[in-house]
Amino acid sequence: MTARMTRNEAWGYFEHPLTNAVAVERGELACLDTATGLLTKGATSLTLRPIGYFETDGTGDGTTTFRVRLFDEIRVHWWDNDTGGTPVVAADVGNLCYVLDDRTVTGDATGASAAGRVWGVNTLNGVAVEMIGFYAAVS
């Protein structure tokens, strides 16, 4: 068996698409909408997770990335994505993903332990996960 190269990064900023037709200004509260996996501005909603402040002005189109200065630096670890069952998808950003095996995370919670919060998904690197510490609460 080949040893797995580990890859982790510290992020103080986050660049991600902004919800279509949402207009933001620098310094406004930036949230991840766990219902869509997109950025949006602060509003009354059960699906929004405040993450920082917008660093760019503009109106979202659902694909153009906007820069957010995070409240706290996060450390993400890159894992392989599930290819045979329920892969983690872009709409999962902001939500939990789950342990499939010693190298892979999945979007399927059935009988699986939570790995952490999804911050990115791409075909080259896999899934960027802010891992859940042993004593951290899962919500």
Foldseek 3Di string as FASTA:
>chain_A
DDDDDKDKDKDQKAKFFAPAFAWDAFFFWWWQFLQFLHIHGDDDDPRTDTFATWHHTDGTHRGGITMGRGPDIFMWIFAAFDDDDATDDSSRAQHWWFDPDPGYIGNDPVVTHTQAGWHDADPPGGTIGRGDDPPHDDD
